[in-house]
N, C-alpha and C. Protein backbone atom coordinates (compact mmCIF):
# COMPACT_ATOMS: atom_id res chain seq x y z
N MET A 1 188.01 -54.47 18.42
CA MET A 1 187.09 -53.30 18.29
C MET A 1 187.04 -52.30 19.66
N SER A 2 186.93 -51.22 19.74
CA SER A 2 186.90 -50.22 20.52
C SER A 2 185.70 -49.90 21.19
N VAL A 3 185.63 -49.39 22.49
CA VAL A 3 184.20 -48.80 23.03
C VAL A 3 184.62 -47.44 23.53
N GLU A 4 183.38 -46.78 22.60
CA GLU A 4 183.41 -45.55 22.62
C GLU A 4 183.55 -44.70 23.98
N THR A 5 184.70 -43.63 23.96
CA THR A 5 184.80 -43.07 25.14
C THR A 5 184.58 -41.66 25.46
N ALA A 6 184.39 -41.04 24.03
CA ALA A 6 184.35 -39.82 24.02
C ALA A 6 182.95 -39.27 24.09
N ALA A 7 182.15 -40.26 23.74
CA ALA A 7 180.57 -39.56 23.65
C ALA A 7 179.96 -39.98 25.06
N PRO A 8 179.31 -39.36 25.64
CA PRO A 8 178.82 -39.38 27.22
C PRO A 8 177.85 -40.57 27.17
N ALA A 9 177.84 -41.40 28.36
CA ALA A 9 177.22 -42.29 28.60
C ALA A 9 175.53 -41.85 28.85
N ALA A 10 174.70 -42.80 28.65
CA ALA A 10 173.41 -42.40 28.83
C ALA A 10 172.53 -43.68 29.45
N ALA A 11 171.48 -43.81 29.29
CA ALA A 11 170.60 -44.88 29.91
C ALA A 11 171.27 -46.29 29.33
N GLY A 12 171.82 -46.22 28.19
CA GLY A 12 172.46 -47.70 27.68
C GLY A 12 174.01 -47.50 27.89
N GLY A 13 174.64 -46.54 28.69
CA GLY A 13 176.02 -46.53 28.92
C GLY A 13 176.70 -46.09 27.72
N ALA A 14 178.19 -46.66 27.83
CA ALA A 14 178.92 -46.30 26.67
C ALA A 14 178.47 -46.77 25.30
N ILE A 15 178.81 -46.40 24.22
CA ILE A 15 178.53 -47.21 23.10
C ILE A 15 179.45 -48.31 22.81
N PRO A 16 179.01 -49.65 22.51
CA PRO A 16 179.83 -50.81 22.43
C PRO A 16 180.11 -50.47 20.80
N ALA A 17 181.31 -51.29 20.38
CA ALA A 17 181.87 -51.12 19.03
C ALA A 17 180.86 -51.76 18.29
N ALA A 18 180.03 -52.99 18.90
CA ALA A 18 179.25 -53.74 17.94
C ALA A 18 177.86 -53.21 17.60
N ALA A 19 177.74 -52.09 18.22
CA ALA A 19 176.44 -51.62 17.89
C ALA A 19 176.84 -50.32 16.75
N VAL A 20 177.90 -50.12 16.30
CA VAL A 20 178.36 -49.30 15.11
C VAL A 20 178.44 -49.83 13.86
N VAL A 21 177.83 -49.27 13.00
CA VAL A 21 177.97 -49.64 11.71
C VAL A 21 178.23 -48.33 10.69
N ARG A 22 178.40 -48.69 9.42
CA ARG A 22 179.11 -47.53 8.60
C ARG A 22 178.24 -47.55 7.48
N THR A 23 178.11 -46.37 6.80
CA THR A 23 177.58 -46.31 5.60
C THR A 23 178.68 -46.36 4.29
N PRO A 24 178.41 -46.42 3.21
CA PRO A 24 179.45 -46.51 2.08
C PRO A 24 180.02 -44.79 2.21
N ALA A 25 179.29 -43.77 2.29
CA ALA A 25 179.63 -42.60 2.58
C ALA A 25 180.52 -42.20 3.65
N GLY A 26 180.78 -43.21 4.64
CA GLY A 26 181.76 -43.02 5.85
C GLY A 26 180.85 -42.57 7.13
N VAL A 27 179.60 -42.16 6.95
CA VAL A 27 178.74 -41.67 8.25
C VAL A 27 178.62 -43.16 9.34
N LEU A 28 178.93 -42.68 10.57
CA LEU A 28 178.67 -43.90 11.50
C LEU A 28 177.22 -43.92 12.11
N HIS A 29 176.75 -45.03 11.93
CA HIS A 29 175.26 -45.05 12.58
C HIS A 29 175.11 -46.08 13.65
N LEU A 30 174.26 -46.03 14.57
CA LEU A 30 173.99 -47.00 15.84
C LEU A 30 173.08 -47.91 15.61
N LEU A 31 173.10 -49.29 15.76
CA LEU A 31 172.12 -50.26 15.88
C LEU A 31 171.31 -49.89 17.68
N PRO A 32 170.13 -50.56 17.23
CA PRO A 32 169.25 -50.45 18.23
C PRO A 32 169.96 -51.77 19.16
N PRO A 33 169.83 -51.64 20.70
CA PRO A 33 170.69 -52.54 21.48
C PRO A 33 170.14 -54.22 21.02
N GLY A 34 171.06 -54.95 21.14
CA GLY A 34 170.72 -56.28 20.69
C GLY A 34 170.73 -56.67 19.07
N ASP A 35 170.74 -55.49 18.37
CA ASP A 35 170.89 -56.12 17.11
C ASP A 35 172.22 -56.32 16.49
N ALA A 36 172.47 -57.13 15.86
CA ALA A 36 173.79 -57.56 15.02
C ALA A 36 174.25 -57.03 13.72
N ALA A 37 175.61 -56.43 13.87
CA ALA A 37 175.98 -55.63 12.45
C ALA A 37 176.21 -56.35 11.49
N PRO A 38 175.62 -56.45 10.15
CA PRO A 38 175.84 -57.26 8.97
C PRO A 38 177.25 -57.00 8.55
N ARG A 39 177.87 -58.16 8.16
CA ARG A 39 179.05 -58.11 7.50
C ARG A 39 178.97 -57.21 5.99
N LEU A 40 178.13 -57.42 5.12
CA LEU A 40 178.04 -56.95 3.83
C LEU A 40 177.04 -55.75 4.02
N PRO A 41 177.47 -54.76 3.15
CA PRO A 41 176.14 -53.71 3.15
C PRO A 41 174.73 -54.06 2.59
N VAL A 42 174.22 -53.64 3.77
CA VAL A 42 172.56 -54.21 3.54
C VAL A 42 171.63 -52.99 3.92
N PHE A 43 170.36 -53.12 3.27
CA PHE A 43 169.43 -51.74 3.36
C PHE A 43 168.52 -51.96 4.62
N THR A 44 168.33 -53.36 4.87
CA THR A 44 167.12 -53.90 5.81
C THR A 44 167.71 -53.73 7.15
N VAL A 45 168.57 -52.80 7.71
CA VAL A 45 168.69 -52.97 9.23
C VAL A 45 168.34 -51.83 9.59
N PRO A 46 167.24 -51.82 10.72
CA PRO A 46 167.20 -50.71 11.68
C PRO A 46 167.97 -49.98 12.31
N LEU A 47 167.97 -48.58 12.38
CA LEU A 47 169.09 -48.03 12.96
C LEU A 47 168.28 -46.95 14.13
N LEU A 48 169.07 -46.57 14.90
CA LEU A 48 168.37 -45.65 15.89
C LEU A 48 167.75 -44.48 15.53
N CYS A 49 168.58 -43.97 14.41
CA CYS A 49 167.68 -42.82 13.68
C CYS A 49 166.81 -43.14 12.64
N SER A 50 166.62 -44.46 12.51
CA SER A 50 165.69 -44.83 11.28
C SER A 50 165.04 -46.15 11.54
N PRO A 51 164.33 -46.09 12.69
CA PRO A 51 163.73 -47.93 13.04
C PRO A 51 162.84 -48.41 12.00
N ASP A 52 162.54 -47.81 11.08
CA ASP A 52 161.85 -48.54 9.91
C ASP A 52 162.99 -48.93 8.78
N PRO A 53 163.31 -50.03 8.73
CA PRO A 53 164.38 -50.86 7.77
C PRO A 53 164.20 -50.13 6.42
N ALA A 54 162.61 -49.84 5.88
CA ALA A 54 162.49 -49.36 4.35
C ALA A 54 163.15 -48.05 4.16
N GLY A 55 163.31 -47.07 5.19
CA GLY A 55 163.87 -46.00 4.94
C GLY A 55 165.32 -45.97 5.37
N ALA A 56 165.83 -47.06 5.53
CA ALA A 56 167.22 -46.88 6.23
C ALA A 56 168.42 -46.74 5.37
N PRO A 57 169.69 -46.34 5.25
CA PRO A 57 170.36 -46.36 4.35
C PRO A 57 171.46 -47.79 4.32
N ALA A 58 171.94 -47.99 3.36
CA ALA A 58 172.85 -49.33 3.32
C ALA A 58 174.02 -49.15 4.28
N VAL A 59 173.96 -50.19 5.34
CA VAL A 59 174.96 -50.17 6.07
C VAL A 59 175.62 -51.69 6.28
N ARG A 60 177.08 -51.48 6.80
CA ARG A 60 177.75 -52.81 7.15
C ARG A 60 178.48 -52.60 8.52
N ARG A 61 179.14 -53.43 8.85
CA ARG A 61 179.77 -53.49 10.23
C ARG A 61 181.06 -52.72 10.11
N TYR A 62 181.40 -51.82 11.12
CA TYR A 62 182.29 -50.90 11.37
C TYR A 62 183.39 -51.63 12.16
N GLY A 63 184.80 -51.85 11.84
CA GLY A 63 185.85 -52.20 13.01
C GLY A 63 186.60 -51.14 13.22
N GLY A 64 186.58 -49.92 12.84
CA GLY A 64 187.32 -48.84 13.32
C GLY A 64 187.23 -48.20 14.56
N GLU A 65 187.86 -47.20 14.70
CA GLU A 65 187.49 -46.42 15.97
C GLU A 65 186.49 -45.38 16.10
N TRP A 66 185.67 -45.22 17.20
CA TRP A 66 184.72 -44.06 16.98
C TRP A 66 185.21 -43.05 16.47
N ASN A 67 184.39 -42.02 15.72
CA ASN A 67 185.01 -40.76 15.18
C ASN A 67 183.64 -40.40 15.25
N GLY A 68 183.51 -38.92 16.25
CA GLY A 68 182.60 -38.33 16.48
C GLY A 68 181.89 -37.44 15.68
N PRO A 69 182.95 -36.94 14.68
CA PRO A 69 182.45 -35.87 13.79
C PRO A 69 181.75 -36.45 12.55
N LYS A 70 181.97 -37.91 12.33
CA LYS A 70 181.50 -38.75 11.28
C LYS A 70 180.05 -39.65 11.67
N ALA A 71 179.92 -39.14 13.04
CA ALA A 71 178.87 -39.90 13.64
C ALA A 71 177.24 -39.18 13.39
N CYS A 72 176.39 -40.15 13.04
CA CYS A 72 174.83 -39.65 12.73
C CYS A 72 174.61 -38.72 14.16
N ARG A 73 174.10 -37.66 14.04
CA ARG A 73 173.80 -36.85 15.24
C ARG A 73 172.32 -37.39 15.65
N ALA A 74 171.63 -37.67 15.12
CA ALA A 74 170.32 -38.67 15.32
C ALA A 74 170.53 -39.69 16.13
N CYS A 75 171.53 -40.44 15.50
CA CYS A 75 171.66 -41.58 16.22
C CYS A 75 172.20 -41.42 17.78
N VAL A 76 173.43 -40.64 17.75
CA VAL A 76 173.60 -40.26 19.14
C VAL A 76 172.67 -40.05 20.20
N ARG A 77 171.79 -39.01 19.57
CA ARG A 77 170.84 -38.27 20.27
C ARG A 77 170.13 -39.33 20.97
N VAL A 78 169.53 -40.39 20.13
CA VAL A 78 168.65 -41.26 20.65
C VAL A 78 169.27 -42.49 21.66
N TRP A 79 170.69 -42.52 21.40
CA TRP A 79 171.41 -43.14 22.34
C TRP A 79 171.38 -42.70 23.91
N ARG A 80 171.72 -41.44 23.43
CA ARG A 80 171.83 -40.74 24.85
C ARG A 80 170.66 -40.66 25.84
N GLY A 81 169.43 -40.62 24.99
CA GLY A 81 168.12 -40.16 25.57
C GLY A 81 167.58 -39.05 25.63
N ASP A 82 168.52 -38.24 24.67
CA ASP A 82 167.72 -36.67 24.76
C ASP A 82 166.51 -36.63 23.86
N PRO A 83 165.90 -35.49 24.00
CA PRO A 83 164.73 -35.35 23.68
C PRO A 83 164.65 -34.91 22.10
N ALA A 84 163.89 -35.22 21.55
CA ALA A 84 163.77 -34.59 20.04
C ALA A 84 164.04 -33.10 19.86
N PRO A 85 164.75 -32.44 18.78
CA PRO A 85 164.68 -30.83 18.77
C PRO A 85 163.27 -30.83 18.10
N VAL A 86 162.93 -29.52 18.81
CA VAL A 86 161.67 -28.65 18.62
C VAL A 86 161.74 -27.80 17.43
N GLU A 87 161.00 -27.91 16.38
CA GLU A 87 161.10 -27.22 15.36
C GLU A 87 160.94 -25.60 15.87
N ALA A 88 161.79 -24.97 15.12
CA ALA A 88 161.46 -23.28 15.46
C ALA A 88 160.07 -22.61 14.56
N GLU A 89 159.54 -22.05 15.63
CA GLU A 89 158.25 -21.55 14.71
C GLU A 89 158.63 -20.18 14.41
N ALA A 90 158.18 -20.10 13.11
CA ALA A 90 158.55 -18.84 12.24
C ALA A 90 157.37 -17.82 12.90
N LEU A 91 158.07 -16.69 13.29
CA LEU A 91 157.15 -15.53 13.85
C LEU A 91 157.25 -14.45 12.82
N GLU A 92 155.88 -13.86 12.86
CA GLU A 92 155.83 -12.69 11.85
C GLU A 92 156.01 -11.67 12.87
N LEU A 93 157.21 -10.57 12.28
CA LEU A 93 157.27 -9.47 12.84
C LEU A 93 156.70 -8.42 12.14
N PRO A 94 156.04 -7.29 13.11
CA PRO A 94 155.44 -6.35 12.42
C PRO A 94 156.26 -5.31 11.69
N GLY A 95 155.92 -4.94 10.23
CA GLY A 95 156.78 -4.42 9.46
C GLY A 95 157.69 -5.08 8.63
N ALA A 96 157.53 -6.74 8.89
CA ALA A 96 157.93 -7.49 7.84
C ALA A 96 157.59 -7.59 6.53
N GLU A 97 156.22 -7.22 6.30
CA GLU A 97 155.75 -7.17 5.12
C GLU A 97 156.28 -6.38 3.99
N PRO A 98 156.25 -6.71 3.01
CA PRO A 98 156.69 -5.91 1.75
C PRO A 98 156.19 -4.73 1.62
N VAL A 99 156.85 -3.41 1.31
CA VAL A 99 156.28 -2.23 1.46
C VAL A 99 155.56 -2.15 0.07
N GLU A 100 155.97 -2.52 -1.21
CA GLU A 100 155.30 -2.43 -2.23
C GLU A 100 154.99 -3.84 -2.91
N PRO A 101 154.17 -4.40 -3.72
CA PRO A 101 154.21 -5.68 -4.46
C PRO A 101 155.46 -6.02 -5.25
N ALA A 102 155.98 -6.92 -4.94
CA ALA A 102 157.10 -7.41 -6.03
C ALA A 102 156.61 -7.31 -7.36
N GLU A 103 155.48 -7.37 -7.73
CA GLU A 103 155.25 -7.30 -9.38
C GLU A 103 153.98 -6.32 -9.20
N ARG A 104 154.10 -5.19 -10.21
CA ARG A 104 153.00 -4.34 -10.42
C ARG A 104 151.99 -4.85 -11.29
N ARG A 105 150.82 -4.23 -11.04
CA ARG A 105 149.57 -4.57 -11.94
C ARG A 105 150.00 -3.86 -13.32
N VAL A 106 149.99 -4.74 -14.39
CA VAL A 106 149.97 -4.31 -15.56
C VAL A 106 148.92 -3.26 -16.09
N PRO A 107 149.10 -2.07 -16.60
CA PRO A 107 147.90 -1.07 -16.85
C PRO A 107 147.28 -1.80 -18.15
N SER A 108 146.00 -1.47 -18.18
CA SER A 108 145.37 -1.73 -19.12
C SER A 108 145.17 -0.65 -20.30
N LEU A 109 145.68 -0.77 -21.42
CA LEU A 109 145.66 0.25 -22.27
C LEU A 109 144.51 0.76 -23.30
N PRO A 110 144.02 1.64 -23.62
CA PRO A 110 142.73 2.14 -24.32
C PRO A 110 142.48 0.98 -25.18
N ARG A 111 141.16 0.81 -25.47
CA ARG A 111 140.53 -0.16 -26.52
C ARG A 111 140.56 0.62 -27.74
N GLU A 112 140.32 1.84 -27.79
CA GLU A 112 139.95 2.85 -28.68
C GLU A 112 140.26 4.24 -28.46
N HIS A 113 140.24 5.01 -29.80
CA HIS A 113 140.68 6.27 -29.66
C HIS A 113 140.16 7.10 -30.69
N ARG A 114 139.15 8.20 -30.45
CA ARG A 114 138.39 8.94 -31.44
C ARG A 114 137.56 7.97 -32.28
N GLY A 115 137.05 6.62 -31.65
CA GLY A 115 136.09 5.73 -32.43
C GLY A 115 136.85 4.62 -33.10
N ARG A 116 138.20 4.93 -33.08
CA ARG A 116 139.01 3.87 -34.06
C ARG A 116 139.49 2.87 -33.12
N PRO A 117 139.12 1.56 -33.36
CA PRO A 117 139.54 0.39 -32.30
C PRO A 117 141.16 0.17 -32.36
N LEU A 118 141.91 -0.10 -31.32
CA LEU A 118 142.89 -0.20 -31.28
C LEU A 118 143.63 -1.46 -30.84
N VAL A 119 144.68 -2.13 -31.44
CA VAL A 119 145.44 -3.19 -31.13
C VAL A 119 146.74 -2.97 -30.54
N TRP A 120 146.96 -3.52 -29.20
CA TRP A 120 148.34 -3.35 -28.66
C TRP A 120 149.21 -4.35 -28.68
N CYS A 121 150.36 -4.17 -29.06
CA CYS A 121 151.45 -5.39 -28.58
C CYS A 121 151.78 -5.79 -27.13
N ASP A 122 152.40 -6.91 -26.82
CA ASP A 122 152.67 -7.02 -25.55
C ASP A 122 153.81 -5.81 -24.95
N TRP A 123 153.98 -5.73 -23.57
CA TRP A 123 154.98 -4.86 -23.11
C TRP A 123 156.07 -5.43 -23.36
N GLU A 124 156.96 -4.66 -23.78
CA GLU A 124 158.52 -5.10 -23.88
C GLU A 124 159.51 -4.25 -23.19
N PRO A 125 160.85 -4.74 -23.32
CA PRO A 125 161.70 -3.59 -22.40
C PRO A 125 161.83 -2.44 -23.30
N GLN A 126 161.84 -1.18 -22.68
CA GLN A 126 161.64 0.02 -23.61
C GLN A 126 163.08 0.22 -24.13
N LEU A 127 163.17 0.45 -25.25
CA LEU A 127 164.29 0.89 -26.23
C LEU A 127 164.98 2.09 -25.73
N ARG A 128 166.36 2.23 -25.68
CA ARG A 128 167.17 3.19 -25.23
C ARG A 128 167.42 3.96 -26.58
N LEU A 129 167.03 5.01 -26.27
CA LEU A 129 167.17 6.07 -27.54
C LEU A 129 167.85 7.29 -27.18
N SER A 130 169.02 7.67 -27.86
CA SER A 130 169.98 8.74 -27.70
C SER A 130 169.26 10.05 -27.45
N HIS A 131 168.26 10.10 -28.13
CA HIS A 131 167.42 11.49 -28.31
C HIS A 131 166.08 11.31 -27.38
N TYR A 132 165.81 10.45 -26.65
CA TYR A 132 164.57 10.59 -25.83
C TYR A 132 165.18 9.93 -24.52
N SER A 133 164.84 10.64 -23.38
CA SER A 133 165.00 10.05 -21.98
C SER A 133 164.22 8.92 -21.63
N SER A 134 164.58 7.97 -20.87
CA SER A 134 163.89 6.77 -20.42
C SER A 134 163.38 6.84 -18.92
N GLU A 135 163.92 8.19 -18.45
CA GLU A 135 163.44 8.42 -17.15
C GLU A 135 162.03 8.97 -16.88
N CYS A 136 161.50 8.08 -16.20
CA CYS A 136 159.94 8.06 -15.72
C CYS A 136 159.52 9.35 -15.31
N GLU A 137 158.25 10.13 -16.07
CA GLU A 137 157.86 11.30 -15.87
C GLU A 137 157.54 11.88 -14.47
N HIS A 138 156.89 10.67 -13.64
CA HIS A 138 156.49 10.69 -12.49
C HIS A 138 157.01 10.49 -11.44
N CYS A 139 157.90 9.50 -11.23
CA CYS A 139 158.88 9.15 -10.18
C CYS A 139 160.48 9.56 -10.22
N GLY A 140 160.70 9.77 -11.71
CA GLY A 140 162.11 9.82 -11.78
C GLY A 140 162.89 8.69 -11.80
N ASP A 141 162.55 7.57 -11.86
CA ASP A 141 163.22 6.52 -12.09
C ASP A 141 163.86 6.34 -13.20
N PRO A 142 165.23 6.19 -13.14
CA PRO A 142 166.27 6.24 -14.64
C PRO A 142 165.70 5.09 -15.49
N GLY A 143 164.97 4.52 -15.13
CA GLY A 143 164.55 3.50 -16.25
C GLY A 143 165.58 2.21 -16.81
N PRO A 144 165.53 1.98 -17.84
CA PRO A 144 164.15 1.71 -18.82
C PRO A 144 163.15 1.09 -18.29
N GLY A 145 162.00 1.46 -18.67
CA GLY A 145 160.68 0.66 -18.09
C GLY A 145 160.32 -0.47 -19.20
N LYS A 146 158.97 -0.19 -19.47
CA LYS A 146 158.53 -1.39 -20.56
C LYS A 146 157.87 -0.14 -21.36
N MET A 147 157.46 -0.85 -22.85
CA MET A 147 157.00 -0.06 -23.83
C MET A 147 156.06 -0.96 -24.58
N ALA A 148 155.04 -0.37 -25.16
CA ALA A 148 154.15 -1.13 -25.99
C ALA A 148 153.79 -0.31 -27.34
N THR A 149 153.58 -0.92 -28.42
CA THR A 149 153.14 -0.39 -29.72
C THR A 149 151.88 -0.95 -29.86
N GLY A 150 151.01 0.15 -30.75
CA GLY A 150 149.62 -0.19 -30.98
C GLY A 150 149.61 0.54 -32.62
N ARG A 151 147.95 -0.10 -33.07
CA ARG A 151 147.80 0.23 -34.41
C ARG A 151 146.10 0.42 -34.24
N GLY A 152 146.00 1.28 -34.91
CA GLY A 152 144.67 1.65 -35.09
C GLY A 152 144.07 1.54 -36.59
N ARG A 153 142.88 1.13 -36.76
CA ARG A 153 142.30 1.07 -38.13
C ARG A 153 141.17 1.97 -38.44
N GLU A 154 141.08 2.19 -39.79
CA GLU A 154 140.22 3.03 -40.38
C GLU A 154 139.95 4.31 -39.52
N PRO A 155 140.58 5.23 -40.07
CA PRO A 155 141.87 5.23 -40.70
C PRO A 155 143.01 4.94 -39.86
N LEU A 156 144.29 4.58 -40.58
CA LEU A 156 145.42 3.84 -39.93
C LEU A 156 146.08 4.94 -39.07
N GLY A 157 146.62 4.44 -37.90
CA GLY A 157 147.06 5.27 -36.80
C GLY A 157 148.21 4.56 -36.20
N ARG A 158 149.18 4.87 -35.78
CA ARG A 158 150.30 4.60 -34.96
C ARG A 158 150.27 5.16 -33.40
N TYR A 159 150.58 4.05 -32.51
CA TYR A 159 150.28 4.44 -31.22
C TYR A 159 151.71 3.84 -30.54
N VAL A 160 151.83 4.57 -29.22
CA VAL A 160 153.22 3.88 -28.26
C VAL A 160 152.69 4.30 -26.86
N ALA A 161 153.27 3.19 -25.96
CA ALA A 161 152.81 3.39 -24.60
C ALA A 161 154.08 3.22 -23.91
N PHE A 162 154.15 3.96 -22.95
CA PHE A 162 155.54 3.56 -21.88
C PHE A 162 154.89 3.62 -20.49
N TRP A 163 155.44 2.37 -19.76
CA TRP A 163 154.92 2.06 -18.48
C TRP A 163 156.09 2.14 -17.58
N CYS A 164 156.33 3.04 -16.19
CA CYS A 164 157.40 2.82 -15.68
C CYS A 164 157.20 1.54 -14.69
N SER A 165 157.98 0.56 -14.50
CA SER A 165 157.89 -0.69 -13.82
C SER A 165 158.23 -0.19 -12.30
N ALA A 166 158.72 0.81 -11.98
CA ALA A 166 159.34 1.07 -10.60
C ALA A 166 157.90 1.67 -9.85
N CYS A 167 157.07 2.55 -10.31
CA CYS A 167 156.02 3.29 -9.74
C CYS A 167 154.63 2.78 -10.37
N GLY A 168 154.53 2.40 -11.49
CA GLY A 168 153.47 1.92 -12.53
C GLY A 168 152.86 2.94 -12.91
N HIS A 169 153.20 4.28 -13.33
CA HIS A 169 152.75 5.18 -14.06
C HIS A 169 152.98 4.75 -15.61
N ALA A 170 151.81 4.95 -16.24
CA ALA A 170 151.79 4.89 -17.75
C ALA A 170 151.21 5.67 -18.35
N ARG A 171 151.52 6.10 -19.67
CA ARG A 171 151.30 7.05 -20.81
C ARG A 171 151.02 6.29 -21.96
N ALA A 172 150.24 6.58 -22.72
CA ALA A 172 149.81 6.25 -24.21
C ALA A 172 149.81 7.49 -24.97
N TYR A 173 150.63 7.10 -26.41
CA TYR A 173 150.56 8.35 -27.28
C TYR A 173 149.92 7.97 -28.35
N GLU A 174 149.71 9.03 -29.39
CA GLU A 174 149.45 8.89 -30.73
C GLU A 174 150.60 9.26 -31.38
N CYS A 175 150.90 8.79 -32.37
CA CYS A 175 152.24 9.23 -33.25
C CYS A 175 151.52 10.28 -34.34
N VAL A 176 151.66 11.63 -34.14
CA VAL A 176 151.08 12.19 -35.18
C VAL A 176 152.14 12.91 -35.84
N GLU A 177 152.27 12.85 -37.14
CA GLU A 177 153.28 13.40 -38.29
C GLU A 177 154.56 13.19 -37.73
N SER A 178 154.89 12.17 -38.50
CA SER A 178 156.66 11.72 -38.12
C SER A 178 156.37 11.06 -36.59
N TRP A 179 157.35 11.53 -35.54
CA TRP A 179 157.31 11.10 -34.28
C TRP A 179 156.92 12.06 -33.22
N ASP A 180 155.91 13.01 -33.80
CA ASP A 180 155.41 13.87 -32.76
C ASP A 180 154.51 13.21 -31.82
N LEU A 181 154.40 13.12 -30.66
CA LEU A 181 153.65 12.32 -29.52
C LEU A 181 152.46 13.43 -29.03
N GLN A 182 151.20 12.72 -29.15
CA GLN A 182 150.40 13.49 -28.40
C GLN A 182 149.36 12.52 -27.59
N VAL A 183 149.56 13.01 -26.11
CA VAL A 183 148.83 11.98 -24.97
C VAL A 183 147.64 11.58 -25.20
N ILE A 184 147.25 10.45 -25.23
CA ILE A 184 145.80 10.01 -25.14
C ILE A 184 145.36 9.18 -23.96
N TYR A 185 146.01 9.01 -23.05
CA TYR A 185 145.93 8.26 -21.92
C TYR A 185 146.88 8.31 -20.78
N VAL A 186 146.52 8.57 -19.70
CA VAL A 186 147.46 8.55 -18.49
C VAL A 186 147.08 7.82 -17.43
N GLU A 187 147.86 6.74 -16.64
CA GLU A 187 147.41 6.21 -15.55
C GLU A 187 148.51 6.61 -14.75
N ARG A 188 148.12 7.08 -13.53
CA ARG A 188 148.96 7.64 -12.42
C ARG A 188 149.66 6.21 -11.51
N GLY A 189 151.14 6.71 -11.27
CA GLY A 189 151.67 5.89 -10.61
C GLY A 189 151.62 5.85 -8.85
N THR A 190 152.11 4.68 -8.09
CA THR A 190 151.48 5.06 -6.88
C THR A 190 152.54 5.97 -5.99
N SER A 191 153.84 6.38 -6.56
CA SER A 191 154.48 7.32 -6.04
C SER A 191 155.41 8.20 -6.69
N GLY A 192 155.48 9.32 -6.57
CA GLY A 192 156.18 10.27 -7.42
C GLY A 192 156.50 11.59 -6.73
N ARG A 193 157.54 12.56 -7.70
CA ARG A 193 157.91 13.70 -7.05
C ARG A 193 156.97 14.75 -7.15
N ARG A 194 155.65 14.68 -8.01
CA ARG A 194 154.71 15.43 -8.46
C ARG A 194 153.62 15.54 -7.42
């Protein structure tokens, strides 16, 4: 067995070959001074990087030459007597907060129109129709945004609402005679070109 010559000596001197053990994955670990390396893979061996044997990996005796890139950095740091690394502190920089929330508040649609109770479906991706523009009237976002359909009772009525997910602008319409749309509700978005 060889003695480590590439790793710098510390309080314990050069790393003796008897103190080197290997995991099945090929990582080299170091034993505390005075401990003997097991011949077969064992889980209950304290290591310099893991003094509690319950959390240590399975290791066995290593008879090869020291390989620095395969060595456990924590074991080498403890052997050298280097201080433990300090965790970096996350700094909050001014201006790092998001400009707008990641998810916008979903607009609440009217519950009634002209005394008629309305029932709305959930918001879904807006349909792309060749004869209707999906561009937002408020901010100019090309879309498509979200859309919801609604129904009124006594007398029956059809309703549709569009919501721009870019600026939050929402409009609800009553479908009058075929697909002529009459505005019944507007909720302004946060930004726009108007």
